Amino acid sequence: MDNTCQKHDVYVAIADPTRRKIIRLLADAEELPLYQLTAQFQMGRTAVSKHLAILKEADLVTNRKFGRETRYRLNVAPLQEVKDWLSFYEKFWNEKAILLKNILEE
């Protein structure tokens, strides 16, 4: 896979724990300015901005200018792809759990 594809890949975007925390923070708020997001991490503004850029490239985050600050908002639509992918494995493990239960009951 080349770098262009990876930049837009939702799985690459959510692979990092910092980005997952940003997603969680944005899910709990309508939108947040960069300074409020940065306050939640032990890293500088530039590092948080780089994580936000990756989330933006995967279309997980949108932003808008409000005066001098930039505010960020979560776009959950790309996460549907992850949910769909995980639902297959949820079904798989549920079937395995039922099979194991039946074996143990015998």
PDB file of N, CA and C in Angstrom:
ATOM      1  N   MET A   1       0.852  -1.173   0.000  1.00  0.00           N
ATOM      2  CA  MET A   1       0.000   0.000   0.000  1.00  0.00           C
ATOM      3  C   MET A   1       0.894   1.231   0.000  1.00  0.00           C
ATOM      4  N   ASP A   2       0.638   2.183  -0.876  1.00  0.00           N
ATOM      5  CA  ASP A   2       1.476   3.377  -0.906  1.00  0.00           C
ATOM      6  C   ASP A   2       1.002   4.398   0.120  1.00  0.00           C
ATOM      7  N   ASN A   3       1.815   5.415   0.337  1.00  0.00           N
ATOM      8  CA  ASN A   3       1.515   6.420   1.363  1.00  0.00           C
ATOM      9  C   ASN A   3       0.235   7.187   1.089  1.00  0.00           C
ATOM     10  N   THR A   4      -0.118   7.391  -0.169  1.00  0.00           N
ATOM     11  CA  THR A   4      -1.335   8.122  -0.494  1.00  0.00           C
ATOM     12  C   THR A   4      -2.556   7.383   0.031  1.00  0.00           C
ATOM     13  N   CYS A   5      -2.597   6.076  -0.167  1.00  0.00           N
ATOM     14  CA  CYS A   5      -3.723   5.290   0.329  1.00  0.00           C
ATOM     15  C   CYS A   5      -3.759   5.298   1.849  1.00  0.00           C
ATOM     16  N   GLN A   6      -2.598   5.188   2.479  1.00  0.00           N
ATOM     17  CA  GLN A   6      -2.545   5.164   3.931  1.00  0.00           C
ATOM     18  C   GLN A   6      -3.047   6.466   4.527  1.00  0.00           C
ATOM     19  N   LYS A   7      -2.784   7.581   3.887  1.00  0.00           N
ATOM     20  CA  LYS A   7      -3.209   8.866   4.418  1.00  0.00           C
ATOM     21  C   LYS A   7      -4.720   8.946   4.554  1.00  0.00           C
ATOM     22  N   HIS A   8      -5.437   8.267   3.690  1.00  0.00           N
ATOM     23  CA  HIS A   8      -6.882   8.354   3.702  1.00  0.00           C
ATOM     24  C   HIS A   8      -7.543   7.135   4.339  1.00  0.00           C
ATOM     25  N   ASP A   9      -6.750   6.249   4.886  1.00  0.00           N
ATOM     26  CA  ASP A   9      -7.253   5.007   5.460  1.00  0.00           C
ATOM     27  C   ASP A   9      -7.719   5.233   6.895  1.00  0.00           C
ATOM     28  N   VAL A  10      -8.992   4.967   7.148  1.00  0.00           N
ATOM     29  CA  VAL A  10      -9.554   5.177   8.477  1.00  0.00           C
ATOM     30  C   VAL A  10      -8.875   4.272   9.511  1.00  0.00           C
ATOM     31  N   TYR A  11      -8.445   3.089   9.104  1.00  0.00           N
ATOM     32  CA  TYR A  11      -7.781   2.169  10.031  1.00  0.00           C
ATOM     33  C   TYR A  11      -6.424   2.716  10.484  1.00  0.00           C
ATOM     34  N   VAL A  12      -5.693   3.320   9.578  1.00  0.00           N
ATOM     35  CA  VAL A  12      -4.417   3.939   9.930  1.00  0.00           C
ATOM     36  C   VAL A  12      -4.674   5.102  10.886  1.00  0.00           C
ATOM     37  N   ALA A  13      -5.712   5.867  10.613  1.00  0.00           N
ATOM     38  CA  ALA A  13      -6.025   7.032  11.447  1.00  0.00           C
ATOM     39  C   ALA A  13      -6.380   6.634  12.878  1.00  0.00           C
ATOM     40  N   ILE A  14      -7.111   5.544  13.054  1.00  0.00           N
ATOM     41  CA  ILE A  14      -7.543   5.162  14.401  1.00  0.00           C
ATOM     42  C   ILE A  14      -6.554   4.224  15.093  1.00  0.00           C
ATOM     43  N   ALA A  15      -5.470   3.878  14.418  1.00  0.00           N
ATOM     44  CA  ALA A  15      -4.500   2.953  14.996  1.00  0.00           C
ATOM     45  C   ALA A  15      -3.737   3.572  16.171  1.00  0.00           C
ATOM     46  N   ASP A  16      -3.619   4.853  16.193  1.00  0.00           N
ATOM     47  CA  ASP A  16      -2.835   5.526  17.229  1.00  0.00           C
ATOM     48  C   ASP A  16      -3.709   5.879  18.437  1.00  0.00           C
ATOM     49  N   PRO A  17      -3.252   5.572  19.660  1.00  0.00           N
ATOM     50  CA  PRO A  17      -4.057   5.858  20.851  1.00  0.00           C
ATOM     51  C   PRO A  17      -4.346   7.353  21.057  1.00  0.00           C
ATOM     52  N   THR A  18      -3.422   8.203  20.658  1.00  0.00           N
ATOM     53  CA  THR A  18      -3.665   9.645  20.785  1.00  0.00           C
ATOM     54  C   THR A  18      -4.817  10.068  19.889  1.00  0.00           C
ATOM     55  N   ARG A  19      -4.842   9.560  18.671  1.00  0.00           N
ATOM     56  CA  ARG A  19      -5.929   9.918  17.752  1.00  0.00           C
ATOM     57  C   ARG A  19      -7.259   9.342  18.225  1.00  0.00           C
ATOM     58  N   ARG A  20      -7.215   8.143  18.815  1.00  0.00           N
ATOM     59  CA  ARG A  20      -8.467   7.590  19.366  1.00  0.00           C
ATOM     60  C   ARG A  20      -8.968   8.453  20.515  1.00  0.00           C
ATOM     61  N   LYS A  21      -8.056   8.990  21.316  1.00  0.00           N
ATOM     62  CA  LYS A  21      -8.475   9.872  22.410  1.00  0.00           C
ATOM     63  C   LYS A  21      -9.057  11.173  21.847  1.00  0.00           C
ATOM     64  N   ILE A  22      -8.460  11.703  20.801  1.00  0.00           N
ATOM     65  CA  ILE A  22      -9.007  12.904  20.164  1.00  0.00           C
ATOM     66  C   ILE A  22     -10.415  12.627  19.654  1.00  0.00           C
ATOM     67  N   ILE A  23     -10.605  11.479  19.031  1.00  0.00           N
ATOM     68  CA  ILE A  23     -11.941  11.108  18.542  1.00  0.00           C
ATOM     69  C   ILE A  23     -12.920  11.053  19.704  1.00  0.00           C
ATOM     70  N   ARG A  24     -12.496  10.450  20.792  1.00  0.00           N
ATOM     71  CA  ARG A  24     -13.364  10.350  21.976  1.00  0.00           C
ATOM     72  C   ARG A  24     -13.713  11.732  22.526  1.00  0.00           C
ATOM     73  N   LEU A  25     -12.731  12.601  22.622  1.00  0.00           N
ATOM     74  CA  LEU A  25     -12.972  13.957  23.116  1.00  0.00           C
ATOM     75  C   LEU A  25     -13.951  14.703  22.223  1.00  0.00           C
ATOM     76  N   LEU A  26     -13.785  14.554  20.923  1.00  0.00           N
ATOM     77  CA  LEU A  26     -14.690  15.227  19.990  1.00  0.00           C
ATOM     78  C   LEU A  26     -16.078  14.594  19.989  1.00  0.00           C
ATOM     79  N   ALA A  27     -16.155  13.317  20.305  1.00  0.00           N
ATOM     80  CA  ALA A  27     -17.466  12.654  20.381  1.00  0.00           C
ATOM     81  C   ALA A  27     -18.255  13.180  21.578  1.00  0.00           C
ATOM     82  N   ASP A  28     -17.555  13.583  22.620  1.00  0.00           N
ATOM     83  CA  ASP A  28     -18.210  14.085  23.829  1.00  0.00           C
ATOM     84  C   ASP A  28     -18.583  15.560  23.743  1.00  0.00           C
ATOM     85  N   ALA A  29     -18.118  16.247  22.715  1.00  0.00           N
ATOM     86  CA  ALA A  29     -18.391  17.677  22.565  1.00  0.00           C
ATOM     87  C   ALA A  29     -18.842  17.949  21.130  1.00  0.00           C
ATOM     88  N   GLU A  30     -19.612  18.995  20.957  1.00  0.00           N
ATOM     89  CA  GLU A  30     -20.038  19.348  19.594  1.00  0.00           C
ATOM     90  C   GLU A  30     -18.835  19.720  18.740  1.00  0.00           C
ATOM     91  N   GLU A  31     -17.976  20.565  19.296  1.00  0.00           N
ATOM     92  CA  GLU A  31     -16.720  20.912  18.647  1.00  0.00           C
ATOM     93  C   GLU A  31     -15.786  21.500  19.702  1.00  0.00           C
ATOM     94  N   LEU A  32     -14.491  21.392  19.421  1.00  0.00           N
ATOM     95  CA  LEU A  32     -13.495  21.891  20.365  1.00  0.00           C
ATOM     96  C   LEU A  32     -12.410  22.661  19.628  1.00  0.00           C
ATOM     97  N   PRO A  33     -11.947  23.753  20.225  1.00  0.00           N
ATOM     98  CA  PRO A  33     -10.808  24.466  19.639  1.00  0.00           C
ATOM     99  C   PRO A  33      -9.506  23.723  19.941  1.00  0.00           C
ATOM    100  N   LEU A  34      -8.507  24.013  19.169  1.00  0.00           N
ATOM    101  CA  LEU A  34      -7.221  23.332  19.299  1.00  0.00           C
ATOM    102  C   LEU A  34      -6.643  23.463  20.703  1.00  0.00           C
ATOM    103  N   TYR A  35      -6.753  24.630  21.317  1.00  0.00           N
ATOM    104  CA  TYR A  35      -6.145  24.807  22.645  1.00  0.00           C
ATOM    105  C   TYR A  35      -6.803  23.904  23.685  1.00  0.00           C
ATOM    106  N   GLN A  36      -8.099  23.628  23.555  1.00  0.00           N
ATOM    107  CA  GLN A  36      -8.754  22.726  24.507  1.00  0.00           C
ATOM    108  C   GLN A  36      -8.344  21.278  24.265  1.00  0.00           C
ATOM    109  N   LEU A  37      -8.171  20.912  23.017  1.00  0.00           N
ATOM    110  CA  LEU A  37      -7.689  19.561  22.721  1.00  0.00           C
ATOM    111  C   LEU A  37      -6.256  19.386  23.229  1.00  0.00           C
ATOM    112  N   THR A  38      -5.414  20.371  22.982  1.00  0.00           N
ATOM    113  CA  THR A  38      -4.014  20.291  23.399  1.00  0.00           C
ATOM    114  C   THR A  38      -3.891  20.150  24.912  1.00  0.00           C
ATOM    115  N   ALA A  39      -4.779  20.786  25.647  1.00  0.00           N
ATOM    116  CA  ALA A  39      -4.732  20.730  27.115  1.00  0.00           C
ATOM    117  C   ALA A  39      -4.941  19.312  27.650  1.00  0.00           C
ATOM    118  N   GLN A  40      -5.481  18.421  26.843  1.00  0.00           N
ATOM    119  CA  GLN A  40      -5.764  17.048  27.263  1.00  0.00           C
ATOM    120  C   GLN A  40      -4.570  16.108  27.088  1.00  0.00           C
ATOM    121  N   PHE A  41      -3.477  16.623  26.533  1.00  0.00           N
ATOM    122  CA  PHE A  41      -2.326  15.774  26.216  1.00  0.00           C
ATOM    123  C   PHE A  41      -1.045  16.375  26.783  1.00  0.00           C
ATOM    124  N   GLN A  42      -0.059  15.519  26.969  1.00  0.00           N
ATOM    125  CA  GLN A  42       1.259  15.979  27.386  1.00  0.00           C
ATOM    126  C   GLN A  42       2.147  16.118  26.156  1.00  0.00           C
ATOM    127  N   MET A  43       1.693  16.951  25.246  1.00  0.00           N
ATOM    128  CA  MET A  43       2.440  17.239  24.019  1.00  0.00           C
ATOM    129  C   MET A  43       2.050  18.645  23.576  1.00  0.00           C
ATOM    130  N   GLY A  44       2.808  19.180  22.694  1.00  0.00           N
ATOM    131  CA  GLY A  44       2.562  20.538  22.232  1.00  0.00           C
ATOM    132  C   GLY A  44       1.477  20.628  21.171  1.00  0.00           C
ATOM    133  N   ARG A  45       1.152  21.866  20.875  1.00  0.00           N
ATOM    134  CA  ARG A  45       0.141  22.164  19.856  1.00  0.00           C
ATOM    135  C   ARG A  45       0.476  21.568  18.502  1.00  0.00           C
ATOM    136  N   THR A  46       1.746  21.637  18.138  1.00  0.00           N
ATOM    137  CA  THR A  46       2.165  21.131  16.829  1.00  0.00           C
ATOM    138  C   THR A  46       1.911  19.634  16.714  1.00  0.00           C
ATOM    139  N   ALA A  47       2.217  18.884  17.760  1.00  0.00           N
ATOM    140  CA  ALA A  47       2.001  17.434  17.737  1.00  0.00           C
ATOM    141  C   ALA A  47       0.513  17.106  17.649  1.00  0.00           C
ATOM    142  N   VAL A  48      -0.309  17.805  18.416  1.00  0.00           N
ATOM    143  CA  VAL A  48      -1.758  17.574  18.353  1.00  0.00           C
ATOM    144  C   VAL A  48      -2.277  17.940  16.966  1.00  0.00           C
ATOM    145  N   SER A  49      -1.757  19.025  16.405  1.00  0.00           N
ATOM    146  CA  SER A  49      -2.165  19.437  15.054  1.00  0.00           C
ATOM    147  C   SER A  49      -1.826  18.377  14.017  1.00  0.00           C
ATOM    148  N   LYS A  50      -0.686  17.715  14.183  1.00  0.00           N
ATOM    149  CA  LYS A  50      -0.309  16.652  13.242  1.00  0.00           C
ATOM    150  C   LYS A  50      -1.279  15.474  13.345  1.00  0.00           C
ATOM    151  N   HIS A  51      -1.684  15.133  14.557  1.00  0.00           N
ATOM    152  CA  HIS A  51      -2.674  14.064  14.724  1.00  0.00           C
ATOM    153  C   HIS A  51      -4.017  14.471  14.107  1.00  0.00           C
ATOM    154  N   LEU A  52      -4.392  15.711  14.316  1.00  0.00           N
ATOM    155  CA  LEU A  52      -5.643  16.200  13.727  1.00  0.00           C
ATOM    156  C   LEU A  52      -5.581  16.183  12.203  1.00  0.00           C
ATOM    157  N   ALA A  53      -4.426  16.484  11.637  1.00  0.00           N
ATOM    158  CA  ALA A  53      -4.271  16.461  10.178  1.00  0.00           C
ATOM    159  C   ALA A  53      -4.494  15.049   9.635  1.00  0.00           C
ATOM    160  N   ILE A  54      -3.986  14.052  10.329  1.00  0.00           N
ATOM    161  CA  ILE A  54      -4.187  12.662   9.901  1.00  0.00           C
ATOM    162  C   ILE A  54      -5.666  12.301   9.988  1.00  0.00           C
ATOM    163  N   LEU A  55      -6.321  12.720  11.062  1.00  0.00           N
ATOM    164  CA  LEU A  55      -7.762  12.465  11.204  1.00  0.00           C
ATOM    165  C   LEU A  55      -8.561  13.192  10.122  1.00  0.00           C
ATOM    166  N   LYS A  56      -8.126  14.395   9.772  1.00  0.00           N
ATOM    167  CA  LYS A  56      -8.796  15.141   8.700  1.00  0.00           C
ATOM    168  C   LYS A  56      -8.632  14.439   7.357  1.00  0.00           C
ATOM    169  N   GLU A  57      -7.422  13.933   7.090  1.00  0.00           N
ATOM    170  CA  GLU A  57      -7.165  13.243   5.825  1.00  0.00           C
ATOM    171  C   GLU A  57      -8.014  11.983   5.693  1.00  0.00           C
ATOM    172  N   ALA A  58      -8.362  11.371   6.821  1.00  0.00           N
ATOM    173  CA  ALA A  58      -9.233  10.191   6.815  1.00  0.00           C
ATOM    174  C   ALA A  58     -10.701  10.599   6.896  1.00  0.00           C
ATOM    175  N   ASP A  59     -10.967  11.886   6.857  1.00  0.00           N
ATOM    176  CA  ASP A  59     -12.324  12.453   6.894  1.00  0.00           C
ATOM    177  C   ASP A  59     -13.041  12.183   8.220  1.00  0.00           C
ATOM    178  N   LEU A  60     -12.283  11.926   9.269  1.00  0.00           N
ATOM    179  CA  LEU A  60     -12.872  11.695  10.587  1.00  0.00           C
ATOM    180  C   LEU A  60     -13.099  12.995  11.354  1.00  0.00           C
ATOM    181  N   VAL A  61     -12.419  14.048  10.934  1.00  0.00           N
ATOM    182  CA  VAL A  61     -12.513  15.339  11.611  1.00  0.00           C
ATOM    183  C   VAL A  61     -12.684  16.432  10.562  1.00  0.00           C
ATOM    184  N   THR A  62     -13.543  17.384  10.880  1.00  0.00           N
ATOM    185  CA  THR A  62     -13.675  18.589  10.068  1.00  0.00           C
ATOM    186  C   THR A  62     -13.275  19.766  10.952  1.00  0.00           C
ATOM    187  N   ASN A  63     -12.944  20.870  10.322  1.00  0.00           N
ATOM    188  CA  ASN A  63     -12.599  22.047  11.097  1.00  0.00           C
ATOM    189  C   ASN A  63     -13.187  23.293  10.454  1.00  0.00           C
ATOM    190  N   ARG A  64     -13.293  24.328  11.289  1.00  0.00           N
ATOM    191  CA  ARG A  64     -13.737  25.627  10.784  1.00  0.00           C
ATOM    192  C   ARG A  64     -13.033  26.712  11.583  1.00  0.00           C
ATOM    193  N   LYS A  65     -12.806  27.796  10.905  1.00  0.00           N
ATOM    194  CA  LYS A  65     -12.194  28.950  11.566  1.00  0.00           C
ATOM    195  C   LYS A  65     -13.285  29.715  12.297  1.00  0.00           C
ATOM    196  N   PHE A  66     -12.980  30.119  13.517  1.00  0.00           N
ATOM    197  CA  PHE A  66     -13.882  30.940  14.321  1.00  0.00           C
ATOM    198  C   PHE A  66     -13.017  32.039  14.925  1.00  0.00           C
ATOM    199  N   GLY A  67     -13.006  33.183  14.258  1.00  0.00           N
ATOM    200  CA  GLY A  67     -12.086  34.238  14.669  1.00  0.00           C
ATOM    201  C   GLY A  67     -10.663  33.799  14.406  1.00  0.00           C
ATOM    202  N   ARG A  68      -9.837  33.847  15.439  1.00  0.00           N
ATOM    203  CA  ARG A  68      -8.429  33.469  15.295  1.00  0.00           C
ATOM    204  C   ARG A  68      -8.191  31.996  15.585  1.00  0.00           C
ATOM    205  N   GLU A  69      -9.192  31.288  16.082  1.00  0.00           N
ATOM    206  CA  GLU A  69      -8.982  29.888  16.452  1.00  0.00           C
ATOM    207  C   GLU A  69      -9.622  28.940  15.438  1.00  0.00           C
ATOM    208  N   THR A  70      -9.120  27.721  15.448  1.00  0.00           N
ATOM    209  CA  THR A  70      -9.685  26.663  14.619  1.00  0.00           C
ATOM    210  C   THR A  70     -10.427  25.712  15.537  1.00  0.00           C
ATOM    211  N   ARG A  71     -11.661  25.399  15.174  1.00  0.00           N
ATOM    212  CA  ARG A  71     -12.468  24.461  15.963  1.00  0.00           C
ATOM    213  C   ARG A  71     -12.641  23.176  15.168  1.00  0.00           C
ATOM    214  N   TYR A  72     -12.598  22.070  15.895  1.00  0.00           N
ATOM    215  CA  TYR A  72     -12.655  20.747  15.278  1.00  0.00           C
ATOM    216  C   TYR A  72     -13.924  20.023  15.699  1.00  0.00           C
ATOM    217  N   ARG A  73     -14.447  19.237  14.762  1.00  0.00           N
ATOM    218  CA  ARG A  73     -15.680  18.486  14.972  1.00  0.00           C
ATOM    219  C   ARG A  73     -15.489  17.080  14.415  1.00  0.00           C
ATOM    220  N   LEU A  74     -16.083  16.110  15.073  1.00  0.00           N
ATOM    221  CA  LEU A  74     -15.990  14.716  14.640  1.00  0.00           C
ATOM    222  C   LEU A  74     -16.966  14.441  13.508  1.00  0.00           C
ATOM    223  N   ASN A  75     -16.509  13.691  12.519  1.00  0.00           N
ATOM    224  CA  ASN A  75     -17.361  13.174  11.455  1.00  0.00           C
ATOM    225  C   ASN A  75     -17.364  11.655  11.607  1.00  0.00           C
ATOM    226  N   VAL A  76     -18.452  11.085  12.098  1.00  0.00           N
ATOM    227  CA  VAL A  76     -18.481   9.657  12.423  1.00  0.00           C
ATOM    228  C   VAL A  76     -18.708   8.755  11.213  1.00  0.00           C
ATOM    229  N   ALA A  77     -19.104   9.305  10.088  1.00  0.00           N
ATOM    230  CA  ALA A  77     -19.440   8.480   8.921  1.00  0.00           C
ATOM    231  C   ALA A  77     -18.342   7.483   8.534  1.00  0.00           C
ATOM    232  N   PRO A  78     -17.069   7.858   8.485  1.00  0.00           N
ATOM    233  CA  PRO A  78     -16.042   6.873   8.113  1.00  0.00           C
ATOM    234  C   PRO A  78     -15.915   5.723   9.110  1.00  0.00           C
ATOM    235  N   LEU A  79     -16.356   5.912  10.334  1.00  0.00           N
ATOM    236  CA  LEU A  79     -16.269   4.832  11.328  1.00  0.00           C
ATOM    237  C   LEU A  79     -17.246   3.697  11.023  1.00  0.00           C
ATOM    238  N   GLN A  80     -18.228   3.943  10.166  1.00  0.00           N
ATOM    239  CA  GLN A  80     -19.162   2.889   9.773  1.00  0.00           C
ATOM    240  C   GLN A  80     -18.421   1.739   9.103  1.00  0.00           C
ATOM    241  N   GLU A  81     -17.380   2.061   8.333  1.00  0.00           N
ATOM    242  CA  GLU A  81     -16.568   1.026   7.678  1.00  0.00           C
ATOM    243  C   GLU A  81     -15.932   0.113   8.721  1.00  0.00           C
ATOM    244  N   VAL A  82     -15.436   0.694   9.801  1.00  0.00           N
ATOM    245  CA  VAL A  82     -14.814  -0.085  10.873  1.00  0.00           C
ATOM    246  C   VAL A  82     -15.876  -0.927  11.572  1.00  0.00           C
ATOM    247  N   LYS A  83     -17.021  -0.338  11.836  1.00  0.00           N
ATOM    248  CA  LYS A  83     -18.113  -1.063  12.490  1.00  0.00           C
ATOM    249  C   LYS A  83     -18.547  -2.264  11.644  1.00  0.00           C
ATOM    250  N   ASP A  84     -18.678  -2.058  10.353  1.00  0.00           N
ATOM    251  CA  ASP A  84     -19.074  -3.154   9.462  1.00  0.00           C
ATOM    252  C   ASP A  84     -18.035  -4.270   9.467  1.00  0.00           C
ATOM    253  N   TRP A  85     -16.770  -3.904   9.448  1.00  0.00           N
ATOM    254  CA  TRP A  85     -15.699  -4.891   9.445  1.00  0.00           C
ATOM    255  C   TRP A  85     -15.704  -5.682  10.757  1.00  0.00           C
ATOM    256  N   LEU A  86     -15.874  -4.986  11.880  1.00  0.00           N
ATOM    257  CA  LEU A  86     -15.883  -5.653  13.179  1.00  0.00           C
ATOM    258  C   LEU A  86     -17.118  -6.528  13.381  1.00  0.00           C
ATOM    259  N   SER A  87     -18.224  -6.170  12.755  1.00  0.00           N
ATOM    260  CA  SER A  87     -19.452  -6.948  12.958  1.00  0.00           C
ATOM    261  C   SER A  87     -19.296  -8.387  12.465  1.00  0.00           C
ATOM    262  N   PHE A  88     -18.482  -8.599  11.429  1.00  0.00           N
ATOM    263  CA  PHE A  88     -18.216  -9.957  10.965  1.00  0.00           C
ATOM    264  C   PHE A  88     -17.555 -10.768  12.080  1.00  0.00           C
ATOM    265  N   TYR A  89     -16.575 -10.181  12.730  1.00  0.00           N
ATOM    266  CA  TYR A  89     -15.842 -10.890  13.779  1.00  0.00           C
ATOM    267  C   TYR A  89     -16.677 -11.059  15.036  1.00  0.00           C
ATOM    268  N   GLU A  90     -17.558 -10.135  15.289  1.00  0.00           N
ATOM    269  CA  GLU A  90     -18.473 -10.289  16.416  1.00  0.00           C
ATOM    270  C   GLU A  90     -19.349 -11.518  16.192  1.00  0.00           C
ATOM    271  N   LYS A  91     -19.861 -11.672  14.990  1.00  0.00           N
ATOM    272  CA  LYS A  91     -20.673 -12.842  14.646  1.00  0.00           C
ATOM    273  C   LYS A  91     -19.834 -14.119  14.774  1.00  0.00           C
ATOM    274  N   PHE A  92     -18.606 -14.069  14.278  1.00  0.00           N
ATOM    275  CA  PHE A  92     -17.698 -15.207  14.345  1.00  0.00           C
ATOM    276  C   PHE A  92     -17.492 -15.651  15.793  1.00  0.00           C
ATOM    277  N   TRP A  93     -17.168 -14.700  16.689  1.00  0.00           N
ATOM    278  CA  TRP A  93     -16.891 -15.052  18.073  1.00  0.00           C
ATOM    279  C   TRP A  93     -18.149 -15.475  18.813  1.00  0.00           C
ATOM    280  N   ASN A  94     -19.276 -14.898  18.485  1.00  0.00           N
ATOM    281  CA  ASN A  94     -20.534 -15.341  19.102  1.00  0.00           C
ATOM    282  C   ASN A  94     -20.833 -16.790  18.741  1.00  0.00           C
ATOM    283  N   GLU A  95     -20.609 -17.147  17.483  1.00  0.00           N
ATOM    284  CA  GLU A  95     -20.820 -18.529  17.058  1.00  0.00           C
ATOM    285  C   GLU A  95     -19.846 -19.472  17.776  1.00  0.00           C
ATOM    286  N   LYS A  96     -18.600 -19.048  17.928  1.00  0.00           N
ATOM    287  CA  LYS A  96     -17.606 -19.877  18.625  1.00  0.00           C
ATOM    288  C   LYS A  96     -17.973 -20.032  20.103  1.00  0.00           C
ATOM    289  N   ALA A  97     -18.485 -18.993  20.721  1.00  0.00           N
ATOM    290  CA  ALA A  97     -18.883 -19.065  22.131  1.00  0.00           C
ATOM    291  C   ALA A  97     -20.052 -20.033  22.304  1.00  0.00           C
ATOM    292  N   ILE A  98     -20.998 -20.015  21.384  1.00  0.00           N
ATOM    293  CA  ILE A  98     -22.139 -20.948  21.447  1.00  0.00           C
ATOM    294  C   ILE A  98     -21.646 -22.380  21.265  1.00  0.00           C
ATOM    295  N   LEU A  99     -20.748 -22.581  20.331  1.00  0.00           N
ATOM    296  CA  LEU A  99     -20.174 -23.911  20.094  1.00  0.00           C
ATOM    297  C   LEU A  99     -19.441 -24.406  21.345  1.00  0.00           C
ATOM    298  N   LEU A 100     -18.644 -23.560  21.951  1.00  0.00           N
ATOM    299  CA  LEU A 100     -17.929 -23.931  23.167  1.00  0.00           C
ATOM    300  C   LEU A 100     -18.910 -24.261  24.299  1.00  0.00           C
ATOM    301  N   LYS A 101     -19.934 -23.466  24.440  1.00  0.00           N
ATOM    302  CA  LYS A 101     -20.948 -23.714  25.469  1.00  0.00           C
ATOM    303  C   LYS A 101     -21.597 -25.085  25.260  1.00  0.00           C
ATOM    304  N   ASN A 102     -21.926 -25.407  24.018  1.00  0.00           N
ATOM    305  CA  ASN A 102     -22.531 -26.697  23.708  1.00  0.00           C
ATOM    306  C   ASN A 102     -21.582 -27.856  24.018  1.00  0.00           C
ATOM    307  N   ILE A 103     -20.315 -27.677  23.717  1.00  0.00           N
ATOM    308  CA  ILE A 103     -19.318 -28.718  23.999  1.00  0.00           C
ATOM    309  C   ILE A 103     -19.181 -28.919  25.501  1.00  0.00           C
ATOM    310  N   LEU A 104     -19.137 -27.831  26.244  1.00  0.00           N
ATOM    311  CA  LEU A 104     -18.989 -27.921  27.699  1.00  0.00           C
ATOM    312  C   LEU A 104     -20.229 -28.536  28.364  1.00  0.00           C
ATOM    313  N   GLU A 105     -21.390 -28.344  27.782  1.00  0.00           N
ATOM    314  CA  GLU A 105     -22.607 -28.907  28.333  1.00  0.00           C
ATOM    315  C   GLU A 105     -22.744 -30.401  28.072  1.00  0.00           C
ATOM    316  N   GLU A 106     -22.023 -30.916  27.084  1.00  0.00           N
ATOM    317  CA  GLU A 106     -22.108 -32.353  26.749  1.00  0.00           C
ATOM    318  C   GLU A 106     -21.404 -33.232  27.742  1.00  0.00           C
TER     319      GLU A 106
END
